[in-house]
Amino acid sequence: MTPKRPYLLRAFYEWIVDNNMTPYITVDATAEEVSVPRQHVKDGRIVLNISPTAVRDFVMDNDAVSFSARFSGAAFYVYCPIYSVLAVYSRETQEGASFPPDEYAQVKPTVAKGPSLAAVSTRAEETEEADLDSTEDLPPDEPPPPKTNKPASKSRPALRVVK
């Protein structure tokens, strides 16, 4: 069964904002993948104001809470995996929810990774590699097949328009 923390976190956040209060979260700054301004961490934890007026580009999903904010005048991108969020509450009333630290002990956290780049070979390179590999399957007493006189392609991969 999936952890209930992301669902409760979103519900309490929405409830706090709907009642014109200021939502705060407490985050375990020592957890893996957490990106917060370290100069504001106390005793391994940080309290963050996540009100719509205090943050930009706010995203709260099943994997993480992320946003941009200013700390002492400097812009900082904050990333907190859901398993690192320990509590959500209203600054004004202190009402909210705290989460057990061992809720994610049984569940391996799945951190969404961003897109990545990879090198892709072109058709000419694949053909050349196939030609080279085909000589390995021949018996040792047979000569390799003749090579064609096509120039070696050192071109870079190119984009093509698909309609």
N, C-alpha and C. Protein backbone atom coordinates (compact mmCIF):
# COMPACT_ATOMS: atom_id res chain seq x y z
N MET A 1 0.85 -1.17 0.00
CA MET A 1 0.00 0.00 0.00
C MET A 1 0.90 1.24 0.00
N THR A 2 0.50 2.26 -0.76
CA THR A 2 1.31 3.48 -0.82
C THR A 2 1.18 4.28 0.47
N PRO A 3 2.22 5.01 0.83
CA PRO A 3 2.15 5.83 2.05
C PRO A 3 1.09 6.92 1.93
N LYS A 4 0.50 7.27 3.07
CA LYS A 4 -0.56 8.28 3.08
C LYS A 4 -0.02 9.70 3.23
N ARG A 5 1.26 9.84 3.53
CA ARG A 5 1.83 11.16 3.79
C ARG A 5 1.59 12.18 2.68
N PRO A 6 1.83 11.87 1.40
CA PRO A 6 1.62 12.91 0.39
C PRO A 6 0.16 13.36 0.29
N TYR A 7 -0.77 12.45 0.52
CA TYR A 7 -2.19 12.79 0.45
C TYR A 7 -2.60 13.68 1.62
N LEU A 8 -2.15 13.33 2.81
CA LEU A 8 -2.46 14.13 4.00
C LEU A 8 -1.78 15.50 3.92
N LEU A 9 -0.57 15.52 3.43
CA LEU A 9 0.17 16.77 3.29
C LEU A 9 -0.58 17.73 2.36
N ARG A 10 -1.04 17.24 1.22
CA ARG A 10 -1.80 18.09 0.29
C ARG A 10 -3.12 18.54 0.91
N ALA A 11 -3.79 17.63 1.61
CA ALA A 11 -5.08 17.98 2.22
C ALA A 11 -4.92 19.07 3.28
N PHE A 12 -3.94 18.91 4.16
CA PHE A 12 -3.72 19.93 5.20
C PHE A 12 -3.27 21.24 4.59
N TYR A 13 -2.41 21.20 3.58
CA TYR A 13 -1.96 22.42 2.92
C TYR A 13 -3.16 23.18 2.35
N GLU A 14 -4.02 22.47 1.65
CA GLU A 14 -5.19 23.08 1.04
C GLU A 14 -6.13 23.66 2.11
N TRP A 15 -6.34 22.93 3.18
CA TRP A 15 -7.20 23.38 4.28
C TRP A 15 -6.65 24.65 4.92
N ILE A 16 -5.35 24.69 5.14
CA ILE A 16 -4.73 25.86 5.75
C ILE A 16 -4.84 27.08 4.84
N VAL A 17 -4.55 26.91 3.55
CA VAL A 17 -4.63 28.02 2.60
C VAL A 17 -6.08 28.49 2.43
N ASP A 18 -7.03 27.54 2.36
CA ASP A 18 -8.45 27.92 2.22
C ASP A 18 -8.95 28.74 3.40
N ASN A 19 -8.34 28.59 4.55
CA ASN A 19 -8.73 29.34 5.74
C ASN A 19 -7.87 30.58 5.97
N ASN A 20 -7.18 31.03 4.91
CA ASN A 20 -6.37 32.25 4.92
C ASN A 20 -5.31 32.25 6.02
N MET A 21 -4.71 31.09 6.22
CA MET A 21 -3.61 30.98 7.18
C MET A 21 -2.32 30.67 6.42
N THR A 22 -1.22 30.64 7.13
CA THR A 22 0.09 30.44 6.52
C THR A 22 0.58 29.01 6.75
N PRO A 23 0.72 28.21 5.67
CA PRO A 23 1.20 26.83 5.85
C PRO A 23 2.72 26.77 6.01
N TYR A 24 3.15 26.03 7.01
CA TYR A 24 4.57 25.78 7.25
C TYR A 24 4.79 24.27 7.20
N ILE A 25 5.97 23.87 6.76
CA ILE A 25 6.35 22.46 6.86
C ILE A 25 7.67 22.37 7.62
N THR A 26 7.82 21.29 8.35
CA THR A 26 9.08 20.98 9.02
C THR A 26 9.72 19.85 8.23
N VAL A 27 11.00 20.03 7.88
CA VAL A 27 11.69 19.08 7.01
C VAL A 27 12.95 18.56 7.70
N ASP A 28 13.18 17.25 7.57
CA ASP A 28 14.42 16.63 8.04
C ASP A 28 15.50 16.95 7.01
N ALA A 29 16.34 17.92 7.32
CA ALA A 29 17.36 18.39 6.37
C ALA A 29 18.50 17.39 6.20
N THR A 30 18.55 16.36 7.03
CA THR A 30 19.63 15.37 6.91
C THR A 30 19.24 14.22 5.98
N ALA A 31 17.99 14.17 5.53
CA ALA A 31 17.53 13.09 4.65
C ALA A 31 18.18 13.22 3.27
N GLU A 32 18.26 12.08 2.57
CA GLU A 32 18.85 12.07 1.23
C GLU A 32 18.03 12.92 0.28
N GLU A 33 18.70 13.53 -0.69
CA GLU A 33 18.09 14.31 -1.77
C GLU A 33 17.50 15.65 -1.34
N VAL A 34 17.57 16.00 -0.06
CA VAL A 34 17.01 17.28 0.39
C VAL A 34 17.94 18.41 -0.03
N SER A 35 17.34 19.44 -0.62
CA SER A 35 18.10 20.62 -1.04
C SER A 35 17.44 21.85 -0.41
N VAL A 36 18.05 22.33 0.68
CA VAL A 36 17.56 23.50 1.40
C VAL A 36 18.77 24.36 1.74
N PRO A 37 18.56 25.66 2.03
CA PRO A 37 19.69 26.50 2.43
C PRO A 37 20.23 26.04 3.79
N ARG A 38 21.42 25.52 3.81
CA ARG A 38 21.99 24.90 5.02
C ARG A 38 22.21 25.89 6.16
N GLN A 39 22.37 27.17 5.87
CA GLN A 39 22.60 28.14 6.94
C GLN A 39 21.36 28.35 7.81
N HIS A 40 20.19 27.89 7.35
CA HIS A 40 18.96 28.02 8.12
C HIS A 40 18.54 26.72 8.81
N VAL A 41 19.35 25.70 8.72
CA VAL A 41 19.05 24.40 9.35
C VAL A 41 19.46 24.46 10.82
N LYS A 42 18.57 24.01 11.70
CA LYS A 42 18.86 23.94 13.14
C LYS A 42 18.52 22.55 13.63
N ASP A 43 19.47 21.90 14.29
CA ASP A 43 19.28 20.55 14.83
C ASP A 43 18.83 19.55 13.76
N GLY A 44 19.32 19.73 12.54
CA GLY A 44 19.01 18.81 11.45
C GLY A 44 17.64 19.03 10.83
N ARG A 45 16.95 20.09 11.23
CA ARG A 45 15.61 20.36 10.70
C ARG A 45 15.52 21.80 10.22
N ILE A 46 14.57 22.03 9.33
CA ILE A 46 14.31 23.38 8.84
C ILE A 46 12.80 23.55 8.73
N VAL A 47 12.32 24.74 9.10
CA VAL A 47 10.90 25.08 8.97
C VAL A 47 10.77 26.01 7.77
N LEU A 48 9.87 25.65 6.85
CA LEU A 48 9.71 26.41 5.62
C LEU A 48 8.29 26.95 5.49
N ASN A 49 8.19 28.23 5.13
CA ASN A 49 6.90 28.86 4.84
C ASN A 49 6.58 28.51 3.39
N ILE A 50 5.48 27.77 3.17
CA ILE A 50 5.13 27.37 1.80
C ILE A 50 3.83 28.04 1.34
N SER A 51 3.55 29.23 1.88
CA SER A 51 2.34 29.93 1.45
C SER A 51 2.51 30.39 0.00
N PRO A 52 1.40 30.51 -0.73
CA PRO A 52 1.48 30.92 -2.13
C PRO A 52 2.15 32.29 -2.33
N THR A 53 2.11 33.16 -1.33
CA THR A 53 2.76 34.47 -1.46
C THR A 53 4.25 34.41 -1.15
N ALA A 54 4.73 33.34 -0.55
CA ALA A 54 6.13 33.25 -0.16
C ALA A 54 6.98 32.44 -1.14
N VAL A 55 6.35 31.64 -1.99
CA VAL A 55 7.10 30.77 -2.89
C VAL A 55 6.67 30.96 -4.34
N ARG A 56 7.53 30.51 -5.24
CA ARG A 56 7.21 30.50 -6.67
C ARG A 56 7.45 29.10 -7.21
N ASP A 57 6.78 28.78 -8.31
CA ASP A 57 6.95 27.48 -8.97
C ASP A 57 6.72 26.32 -7.99
N PHE A 58 5.70 26.44 -7.18
CA PHE A 58 5.40 25.45 -6.15
C PHE A 58 4.83 24.18 -6.76
N VAL A 59 5.41 23.03 -6.40
CA VAL A 59 4.92 21.72 -6.84
C VAL A 59 4.91 20.80 -5.63
N MET A 60 3.75 20.17 -5.39
CA MET A 60 3.64 19.18 -4.33
C MET A 60 2.97 17.95 -4.95
N ASP A 61 3.74 16.88 -5.12
CA ASP A 61 3.18 15.67 -5.69
C ASP A 61 3.48 14.49 -4.77
N ASN A 62 3.31 13.29 -5.25
CA ASN A 62 3.53 12.11 -4.40
C ASN A 62 4.99 11.86 -4.07
N ASP A 63 5.91 12.52 -4.78
CA ASP A 63 7.32 12.29 -4.58
C ASP A 63 8.04 13.38 -3.79
N ALA A 64 7.62 14.63 -3.97
CA ALA A 64 8.38 15.72 -3.35
C ALA A 64 7.59 17.01 -3.28
N VAL A 65 8.13 17.93 -2.48
CA VAL A 65 7.68 19.31 -2.43
C VAL A 65 8.84 20.13 -2.96
N SER A 66 8.59 20.95 -3.97
CA SER A 66 9.66 21.77 -4.52
C SER A 66 9.13 23.16 -4.86
N PHE A 67 10.01 24.15 -4.77
CA PHE A 67 9.64 25.53 -5.05
C PHE A 67 10.89 26.39 -5.04
N SER A 68 10.72 27.63 -5.49
CA SER A 68 11.78 28.64 -5.40
C SER A 68 11.34 29.66 -4.36
N ALA A 69 12.30 30.13 -3.57
CA ALA A 69 12.00 31.13 -2.54
C ALA A 69 13.25 31.95 -2.26
N ARG A 70 13.07 33.03 -1.53
CA ARG A 70 14.20 33.87 -1.14
C ARG A 70 14.52 33.63 0.33
N PHE A 71 15.79 33.47 0.60
CA PHE A 71 16.29 33.30 1.97
C PHE A 71 17.36 34.36 2.18
N SER A 72 17.11 35.26 3.12
CA SER A 72 18.02 36.39 3.37
C SER A 72 18.31 37.15 2.09
N GLY A 73 17.30 37.28 1.24
CA GLY A 73 17.44 38.05 0.00
C GLY A 73 17.98 37.28 -1.19
N ALA A 74 18.46 36.07 -0.99
CA ALA A 74 19.03 35.29 -2.08
C ALA A 74 18.03 34.22 -2.54
N ALA A 75 17.86 34.10 -3.85
CA ALA A 75 16.94 33.10 -4.40
C ALA A 75 17.54 31.71 -4.23
N PHE A 76 16.69 30.73 -3.93
CA PHE A 76 17.14 29.35 -3.70
C PHE A 76 16.04 28.40 -4.16
N TYR A 77 16.43 27.34 -4.86
CA TYR A 77 15.49 26.30 -5.26
C TYR A 77 15.48 25.23 -4.17
N VAL A 78 14.30 24.95 -3.62
CA VAL A 78 14.15 24.00 -2.51
C VAL A 78 13.53 22.71 -3.06
N TYR A 79 14.11 21.58 -2.66
CA TYR A 79 13.58 20.27 -3.04
C TYR A 79 13.56 19.40 -1.80
N CYS A 80 12.37 18.94 -1.43
CA CYS A 80 12.20 18.09 -0.24
C CYS A 80 11.41 16.84 -0.62
N PRO A 81 12.06 15.68 -0.67
CA PRO A 81 11.30 14.45 -0.92
C PRO A 81 10.23 14.28 0.16
N ILE A 82 9.12 13.68 -0.20
CA ILE A 82 8.01 13.53 0.73
C ILE A 82 8.44 12.85 2.03
N TYR A 83 9.34 11.86 1.94
CA TYR A 83 9.76 11.16 3.15
C TYR A 83 10.53 12.06 4.12
N SER A 84 10.99 13.23 3.66
CA SER A 84 11.71 14.14 4.54
C SER A 84 10.80 15.14 5.25
N VAL A 85 9.53 15.25 4.81
CA VAL A 85 8.59 16.18 5.43
C VAL A 85 8.05 15.55 6.72
N LEU A 86 8.30 16.21 7.84
CA LEU A 86 7.92 15.67 9.15
C LEU A 86 6.60 16.21 9.67
N ALA A 87 6.21 17.42 9.21
CA ALA A 87 4.97 18.02 9.70
C ALA A 87 4.51 19.13 8.76
N VAL A 88 3.21 19.39 8.78
CA VAL A 88 2.60 20.54 8.10
C VAL A 88 1.64 21.16 9.10
N TYR A 89 1.68 22.49 9.21
CA TYR A 89 0.82 23.15 10.20
C TYR A 89 0.62 24.61 9.85
N SER A 90 -0.38 25.22 10.50
CA SER A 90 -0.67 26.63 10.33
C SER A 90 0.19 27.44 11.30
N ARG A 91 0.81 28.49 10.80
CA ARG A 91 1.62 29.35 11.67
C ARG A 91 0.76 30.02 12.74
N GLU A 92 -0.45 30.40 12.35
CA GLU A 92 -1.31 31.16 13.24
C GLU A 92 -1.90 30.31 14.37
N THR A 93 -2.33 29.09 14.07
CA THR A 93 -3.02 28.28 15.08
C THR A 93 -2.21 27.06 15.55
N GLN A 94 -1.13 26.76 14.85
CA GLN A 94 -0.31 25.58 15.14
C GLN A 94 -1.06 24.27 14.88
N GLU A 95 -2.22 24.33 14.22
CA GLU A 95 -2.97 23.12 13.88
C GLU A 95 -2.41 22.53 12.60
N GLY A 96 -2.38 21.20 12.54
CA GLY A 96 -1.88 20.53 11.35
C GLY A 96 -1.68 19.06 11.63
N ALA A 97 -0.64 18.51 11.06
CA ALA A 97 -0.35 17.09 11.24
C ALA A 97 1.15 16.86 11.25
N SER A 98 1.55 15.92 12.10
CA SER A 98 2.95 15.48 12.06
C SER A 98 2.93 14.04 11.58
N PHE A 99 4.04 13.63 10.99
CA PHE A 99 4.10 12.31 10.38
C PHE A 99 5.14 11.45 11.07
N PRO A 100 4.85 10.17 11.25
CA PRO A 100 5.83 9.29 11.91
C PRO A 100 7.07 9.15 11.03
N PRO A 101 8.25 9.26 11.64
CA PRO A 101 9.48 9.17 10.85
C PRO A 101 9.70 7.79 10.23
N ASP A 102 9.06 6.75 10.78
CA ASP A 102 9.29 5.40 10.26
C ASP A 102 8.28 4.97 9.20
N GLU A 103 7.40 5.88 8.77
CA GLU A 103 6.39 5.53 7.76
C GLU A 103 7.04 5.04 6.47
N TYR A 104 8.17 5.58 6.13
CA TYR A 104 8.84 5.20 4.89
C TYR A 104 9.93 4.15 5.11
N ALA A 105 10.03 3.59 6.29
CA ALA A 105 11.05 2.57 6.56
C ALA A 105 10.81 1.32 5.73
N GLN A 106 9.56 0.93 5.53
CA GLN A 106 9.22 -0.26 4.76
C GLN A 106 9.19 0.02 3.26
N VAL A 107 8.96 1.27 2.88
CA VAL A 107 8.82 1.63 1.48
C VAL A 107 10.10 2.31 1.02
N LYS A 108 10.69 1.80 -0.03
CA LYS A 108 11.88 2.43 -0.58
C LYS A 108 11.44 3.70 -1.29
N PRO A 109 11.97 4.88 -0.93
CA PRO A 109 11.54 6.11 -1.55
C PRO A 109 11.88 6.12 -3.03
N THR A 110 10.93 6.57 -3.84
CA THR A 110 11.16 6.69 -5.27
C THR A 110 11.27 8.16 -5.59
N VAL A 111 12.46 8.58 -5.87
CA VAL A 111 12.69 9.98 -6.18
C VAL A 111 12.67 10.13 -7.69
N ALA A 112 11.82 11.00 -8.15
CA ALA A 112 11.74 11.23 -9.59
C ALA A 112 12.97 11.97 -10.04
N LYS A 113 13.61 11.42 -11.03
CA LYS A 113 14.78 12.08 -11.57
C LYS A 113 14.37 12.84 -12.81
N GLY A 114 15.08 13.90 -13.06
CA GLY A 114 14.79 14.71 -14.23
C GLY A 114 15.25 14.03 -15.50
N PRO A 115 15.00 14.66 -16.64
CA PRO A 115 15.43 14.08 -17.90
C PRO A 115 16.94 14.04 -17.96
N SER A 116 17.45 13.08 -18.71
CA SER A 116 18.89 12.97 -18.86
C SER A 116 19.24 12.85 -20.33
N LEU A 117 20.49 13.10 -20.64
CA LEU A 117 20.97 13.04 -22.02
C LEU A 117 21.74 11.75 -22.22
N ALA A 118 21.68 11.23 -23.43
CA ALA A 118 22.44 10.04 -23.77
C ALA A 118 22.88 10.16 -25.22
N ALA A 119 24.04 9.59 -25.53
CA ALA A 119 24.52 9.59 -26.91
C ALA A 119 23.79 8.51 -27.69
N VAL A 120 23.39 8.85 -28.90
CA VAL A 120 22.67 7.91 -29.75
C VAL A 120 23.46 7.78 -31.04
N SER A 121 23.68 6.55 -31.48
CA SER A 121 24.45 6.35 -32.70
C SER A 121 23.57 6.59 -33.91
N THR A 122 24.20 6.99 -35.00
CA THR A 122 23.48 7.20 -36.25
C THR A 122 23.39 5.88 -36.99
N ARG A 123 22.60 5.83 -38.05
CA ARG A 123 22.45 4.61 -38.84
C ARG A 123 23.79 4.16 -39.43
N ALA A 124 24.61 5.11 -39.90
CA ALA A 124 25.90 4.76 -40.49
C ALA A 124 26.80 4.09 -39.45
N GLU A 125 26.81 4.63 -38.22
CA GLU A 125 27.63 4.03 -37.17
C GLU A 125 27.14 2.64 -36.82
N GLU A 126 25.81 2.44 -36.78
CA GLU A 126 25.27 1.13 -36.48
C GLU A 126 25.66 0.11 -37.53
N THR A 127 25.65 0.54 -38.82
CA THR A 127 26.02 -0.35 -39.92
C THR A 127 27.49 -0.73 -39.81
N GLU A 128 28.35 0.25 -39.51
CA GLU A 128 29.77 -0.03 -39.36
C GLU A 128 30.01 -1.01 -38.21
N GLU A 129 29.31 -0.80 -37.09
CA GLU A 129 29.47 -1.70 -35.95
C GLU A 129 28.99 -3.09 -36.31
N ALA A 130 27.91 -3.20 -37.07
CA ALA A 130 27.40 -4.51 -37.49
C ALA A 130 28.40 -5.20 -38.39
N ASP A 131 29.07 -4.43 -39.30
CA ASP A 131 30.09 -5.01 -40.18
C ASP A 131 31.25 -5.56 -39.36
N LEU A 132 31.67 -4.81 -38.34
CA LEU A 132 32.79 -5.26 -37.52
C LEU A 132 32.43 -6.50 -36.72
N ASP A 133 31.23 -6.54 -36.20
CA ASP A 133 30.80 -7.67 -35.39
C ASP A 133 30.62 -8.93 -36.22
N SER A 134 30.29 -8.80 -37.51
CA SER A 134 30.00 -9.97 -38.33
C SER A 134 31.25 -10.81 -38.58
N THR A 135 32.45 -10.24 -38.48
CA THR A 135 33.67 -11.01 -38.73
C THR A 135 33.99 -11.94 -37.57
N GLU A 136 33.43 -11.66 -36.39
CA GLU A 136 33.73 -12.50 -35.23
C GLU A 136 33.08 -13.87 -35.34
N ASP A 137 32.00 -14.00 -36.10
CA ASP A 137 31.27 -15.25 -36.21
C ASP A 137 31.85 -16.20 -37.25
N LEU A 138 32.82 -15.74 -38.05
CA LEU A 138 33.38 -16.58 -39.10
C LEU A 138 34.40 -17.56 -38.52
N PRO A 139 34.51 -18.73 -39.14
CA PRO A 139 35.57 -19.65 -38.70
C PRO A 139 36.93 -19.03 -38.96
N PRO A 140 37.97 -19.42 -38.20
CA PRO A 140 39.28 -18.78 -38.33
C PRO A 140 39.94 -18.99 -39.69
N ASP A 141 39.58 -20.06 -40.44
CA ASP A 141 40.26 -20.30 -41.71
C ASP A 141 39.62 -19.55 -42.88
N GLU A 142 38.46 -18.92 -42.69
CA GLU A 142 37.84 -18.17 -43.77
C GLU A 142 38.28 -16.71 -43.72
N PRO A 143 38.52 -16.10 -44.88
CA PRO A 143 38.91 -14.69 -44.89
C PRO A 143 37.69 -13.82 -44.58
N PRO A 144 37.92 -12.64 -44.03
CA PRO A 144 36.80 -11.74 -43.74
C PRO A 144 36.19 -11.24 -45.04
N PRO A 145 34.93 -10.82 -45.01
CA PRO A 145 34.30 -10.30 -46.23
C PRO A 145 34.99 -9.02 -46.67
N PRO A 146 34.93 -8.73 -47.97
CA PRO A 146 35.60 -7.52 -48.47
C PRO A 146 34.91 -6.27 -47.92
N LYS A 147 35.73 -5.27 -47.66
CA LYS A 147 35.21 -3.99 -47.15
C LYS A 147 34.82 -3.12 -48.33
N THR A 148 33.77 -2.36 -48.14
CA THR A 148 33.35 -1.42 -49.19
C THR A 148 34.19 -0.17 -49.07
N ASN A 149 34.23 0.60 -50.12
CA ASN A 149 35.04 1.82 -50.14
C ASN A 149 34.24 3.05 -49.71
N LYS A 150 33.29 2.86 -48.87
CA LYS A 150 32.54 4.04 -48.41
C LYS A 150 33.36 4.75 -47.35
N PRO A 151 33.33 6.08 -47.36
CA PRO A 151 34.11 6.83 -46.36
C PRO A 151 33.54 6.61 -44.96
N ALA A 152 34.42 6.65 -43.99
CA ALA A 152 33.99 6.49 -42.60
C ALA A 152 33.19 7.73 -42.20
N SER A 153 32.04 7.52 -41.66
CA SER A 153 31.15 8.62 -41.29
C SER A 153 31.47 9.06 -39.87
N LYS A 154 31.89 10.28 -39.73
CA LYS A 154 32.18 10.85 -38.41
C LYS A 154 31.19 11.99 -38.11
N SER A 155 30.05 11.95 -38.79
CA SER A 155 29.08 13.02 -38.61
C SER A 155 28.37 12.86 -37.27
N ARG A 156 27.85 13.97 -36.78
CA ARG A 156 27.12 13.97 -35.52
C ARG A 156 25.68 13.58 -35.78
N PRO A 157 25.02 13.06 -34.78
CA PRO A 157 23.59 12.75 -34.94
C PRO A 157 22.82 14.03 -35.26
N ALA A 158 21.81 13.89 -36.09
CA ALA A 158 21.04 15.07 -36.51
C ALA A 158 19.57 14.85 -36.20
N LEU A 159 18.87 15.96 -36.08
CA LEU A 159 17.42 15.90 -35.85
C LEU A 159 16.73 15.90 -37.21
N ARG A 160 15.60 15.26 -37.26
CA ARG A 160 14.82 15.29 -38.47
C ARG A 160 13.37 15.61 -38.11
N VAL A 161 12.68 16.26 -39.03
CA VAL A 161 11.31 16.67 -38.79
C VAL A 161 10.38 15.50 -39.12
N VAL A 162 9.51 15.16 -38.19
CA VAL A 162 8.54 14.10 -38.40
C VAL A 162 7.17 14.75 -38.42
N LYS A 163 6.44 14.50 -39.49
CA LYS A 163 5.12 15.14 -39.62
C LYS A 163 4.03 14.20 -39.21
